[in-house]
Protein backbone atom coordinates (compact mmCIF):
# COMPACT_ATOMS: atom_id res chain seq x y z
CA UNK A 1 128.92 48.18 64.24
CA UNK A 2 128.66 45.68 61.40
CA UNK A 3 131.11 43.43 59.60
CA UNK A 4 131.52 45.75 56.59
CA UNK A 5 132.39 48.72 58.79
CA UNK A 6 134.98 46.67 60.67
CA UNK A 7 136.61 45.25 57.51
CA UNK A 8 136.81 48.69 55.91
CA UNK A 9 138.86 49.96 58.87
CA UNK A 10 141.71 47.76 57.65
CA UNK A 11 141.82 49.05 54.06
CA UNK A 12 145.48 49.76 53.31
CA UNK A 13 146.87 47.15 55.73
CA UNK A 14 149.28 44.68 54.17
CA UNK A 15 148.01 41.19 53.42
CA UNK A 16 149.68 38.48 55.54
CA UNK A 17 149.16 34.84 54.54
CA UNK A 18 147.89 32.94 57.59
CA UNK A 19 147.25 36.20 59.46
CA UNK A 20 144.09 36.59 61.50
CA UNK A 21 144.12 33.30 63.42
CA UNK A 22 146.72 33.58 66.22
CA UNK A 23 146.49 30.71 68.70
CA UNK A 24 143.08 29.80 67.25
CA UNK A 25 141.57 33.22 68.00
CA UNK A 26 140.37 35.82 65.50
CA UNK A 27 142.24 39.09 65.10
CA UNK A 28 145.29 40.57 63.44
CA UNK A 29 148.29 38.26 63.81
CA UNK A 30 151.67 37.40 62.36
CA UNK A 31 151.63 36.06 58.82
CA UNK A 32 153.37 32.90 57.63
CA UNK A 33 155.21 31.78 54.51
CA UNK A 34 153.02 30.10 51.90
CA UNK A 35 155.39 27.53 50.40
CA UNK A 36 153.63 27.88 47.02
CA UNK A 37 154.00 31.67 46.80
CA UNK A 38 157.41 33.41 46.88
CA UNK A 39 155.62 36.74 47.40
CA UNK A 40 154.78 35.53 50.92
CA UNK A 41 158.37 35.35 52.16
CA UNK A 42 157.96 38.70 53.93
CA UNK A 43 154.57 37.84 55.46
CA UNK A 44 156.06 36.65 58.81
CA UNK A 45 157.20 40.27 59.30
CA UNK A 46 153.61 41.51 59.00
CA UNK A 47 150.88 41.68 61.61
CA UNK A 48 147.63 41.58 59.64
CA UNK A 49 145.13 39.26 57.87
CA UNK A 50 144.72 36.80 55.05
CA UNK A 51 141.36 36.78 53.25
CA UNK A 52 139.46 34.50 55.66
CA UNK A 53 141.22 36.11 58.64
CA UNK A 54 139.80 39.51 57.66
CA UNK A 55 136.28 38.11 57.18
CA UNK A 56 136.49 36.17 60.45
CA UNK A 57 137.64 39.25 62.41
CA UNK A 58 135.01 41.52 60.83
CA UNK A 59 132.18 39.14 61.74
CA UNK A 60 133.63 38.54 65.20
CA UNK A 61 133.75 42.28 65.94
CA UNK A 62 130.23 42.76 64.53
CA UNK A 63 128.68 39.98 66.62
CA UNK A 64 131.23 39.40 69.44
CA UNK A 65 130.98 35.72 68.50
CA UNK A 66 133.57 33.75 66.54
CA UNK A 67 130.99 32.52 64.02
CA UNK A 68 133.54 32.07 61.19
CA UNK A 69 135.77 29.90 63.34
CA UNK A 70 137.47 27.88 60.61
CA UNK A 71 140.98 28.82 59.51
CA UNK A 72 140.77 28.26 55.76
CA UNK A 73 138.48 29.55 53.03
CA UNK A 74 137.80 26.01 51.79
CA UNK A 75 136.77 24.74 55.24
CA UNK A 76 134.37 27.65 55.82
CA UNK A 77 132.74 26.95 52.45
CA UNK A 78 132.39 23.21 53.13
CA UNK A 79 131.31 23.50 56.76
CA UNK A 80 130.43 27.07 57.75
CA UNK A 81 129.49 26.11 61.32
CA UNK A 82 126.87 28.86 61.69
CA UNK A 83 123.28 29.35 60.62
CA UNK A 84 123.17 31.03 57.23
CA UNK A 85 121.40 31.46 53.92
CA UNK A 86 123.43 30.19 50.98
CA UNK A 87 123.37 31.81 47.56
CA UNK A 88 124.62 30.09 44.41
CA UNK A 89 126.51 31.61 41.51
CA UNK A 90 123.46 30.91 39.33
CA UNK A 91 121.49 33.38 41.46
CA UNK A 92 124.08 36.04 40.68
CA UNK A 93 124.47 39.33 42.49
CA UNK A 94 120.75 40.18 42.84
CA UNK A 95 120.05 38.62 46.29
CA UNK A 96 123.27 39.83 47.93
CA UNK A 97 123.37 42.32 50.79
CA UNK A 98 126.29 44.18 52.39
CA UNK A 99 128.19 41.88 54.73
CA UNK A 100 127.45 38.68 52.81
CA UNK A 101 130.50 36.42 52.61
CA UNK A 102 131.43 35.79 48.96
CA UNK A 103 133.52 32.82 47.81
CA UNK A 104 135.65 32.75 44.68
CA UNK A 105 137.82 30.42 42.61
CA UNK A 106 137.83 26.85 41.41
CA UNK A 107 138.19 24.79 44.56
CA UNK A 108 137.24 27.91 46.59
CA UNK A 109 140.48 29.83 47.02
CA UNK A 110 139.35 33.32 48.07
CA UNK A 111 136.73 35.01 50.23
CA UNK A 112 135.60 38.63 50.58
CA UNK A 113 132.80 40.69 52.14
CA UNK A 114 130.19 42.15 49.83
CA UNK A 115 129.77 45.92 50.05
CA UNK A 116 127.11 46.66 47.40
CA UNK A 117 126.97 47.64 43.72
CA UNK A 118 129.40 44.86 42.74
CA UNK A 119 132.10 45.92 45.22
CA UNK A 120 133.86 43.86 47.90
CA UNK A 121 136.35 44.52 50.68
CA UNK A 122 139.08 41.90 50.53
CA UNK A 123 142.56 40.89 51.57
CA UNK A 124 143.71 39.70 48.12
CA UNK A 125 147.17 38.08 48.38
CA UNK A 126 150.78 38.46 49.51
CA UNK A 127 152.40 41.67 48.34
CA UNK A 128 149.07 43.48 48.23
CA UNK A 129 146.91 45.35 50.75
CA UNK A 130 143.37 45.08 52.09
CA UNK A 131 141.27 46.97 49.56
CA UNK A 132 137.88 47.74 48.11
CA UNK A 133 137.62 46.19 44.65
CA UNK A 134 135.18 45.06 41.99
CA UNK A 135 133.94 41.53 42.65
CA UNK A 136 135.36 39.04 40.16
CA UNK A 137 132.05 37.56 39.04
CA UNK A 138 133.78 35.22 36.58
CA UNK A 139 135.36 33.46 39.60
CA UNK A 140 132.34 33.75 41.94
CA UNK A 141 131.08 30.44 43.37
CA UNK A 142 128.45 31.55 45.89
CA UNK A 143 127.84 33.39 49.16
CA UNK A 144 126.66 32.97 52.72
CA UNK A 145 124.56 35.40 54.71
CA UNK A 146 125.15 34.66 58.40
CA UNK A 147 122.06 34.72 60.60
CA UNK A 148 122.98 36.65 63.70
CA UNK A 149 119.57 36.90 65.38
CA UNK A 150 119.94 34.93 68.57
CA UNK A 151 123.75 35.29 68.55
CA UNK A 152 124.41 36.71 71.97
CA UNK A 153 127.71 38.39 72.81
CA UNK A 154 129.57 36.56 75.54
CA UNK A 155 132.98 38.21 75.60
CA UNK A 156 134.94 40.99 73.99
CA UNK A 157 138.39 40.50 72.52
CA UNK A 158 140.49 43.07 70.70
CA UNK A 159 143.08 40.80 69.11
CA UNK A 160 146.59 39.81 70.02
CA UNK A 161 149.27 42.47 69.72
CA UNK A 162 147.43 44.84 67.39
CA UNK A 163 150.23 46.50 65.37
CA UNK A 164 153.14 45.38 67.56
CA UNK A 165 155.52 42.57 66.60
CA UNK A 166 158.18 41.43 69.03
CA UNK A 167 160.99 39.03 68.20
CA UNK A 168 162.69 36.35 70.25
CA UNK A 169 162.33 35.32 73.86
CA UNK A 170 162.50 37.73 76.80
CA UNK A 171 165.61 37.78 78.97
CA UNK A 172 164.69 36.48 82.41
CA UNK A 173 166.75 36.68 85.59
CA UNK A 174 167.17 33.70 87.89
CA UNK A 175 165.88 35.79 90.82
CA UNK A 176 163.84 38.93 91.00
CA UNK A 177 166.75 41.12 92.20
CA UNK A 178 168.70 42.96 89.51
CA UNK A 179 172.10 41.42 90.25
CA UNK A 180 171.18 37.81 89.37
CA UNK A 181 172.40 36.25 86.10
CA UNK A 182 170.22 36.41 83.00
CA UNK A 183 168.91 33.00 81.87
C-alpha cells in the first residue's frame, strides 16, 4: 500500500480544517473553526482531514511511521523532519513521482500528493471535499520525496473514531449498580 492509494480512498470526504491530527496522532479527526474563514464554521461537525492531515495520514498508512509529524503545512515545509529529496519550482514537474508531497502558495499555504500527469489528490478547503485535481503550477513552490528505505514499521494505528462523532460527556453512576445516582 502506498501513500497515493491511501489518500485516494478518501476522495469525496468533506474537508475539515484542523482535521487529521487528533491528540497529536495522525488520522481522521474532528475539524476546528478557522477564525479567518467563515466557511469553516461547520468543520467541528466533520470527522475528516485538512490538507496536511490527509498527506500525513496517507504517508503514515503507507509506512506505518508518522514521518510527516508536523501539524501545519508551513512547518512541514520549513522543517520536514524526515529524510527526503527536495525539488524546487524551477525544476518544474519533470522530476516528480507519484506520492511526492507538493507545496503551494505564497508563504506555503497548501499541500497535496502528486499522482502523475499534472494531477494531485488534495483536501482543498472548508466547504469542499477531498478530490483529484489539476496541480496549480502557478502557485507551486516545490516538493519533497520522502525516503522510506530504512523506515521500519513499529506499530499500527487506524485513527481515532473513524466516521463516528460523539458529543458531550458520558453519564457516569456513582457506583456500578444501576440504582445509584448519575453524576
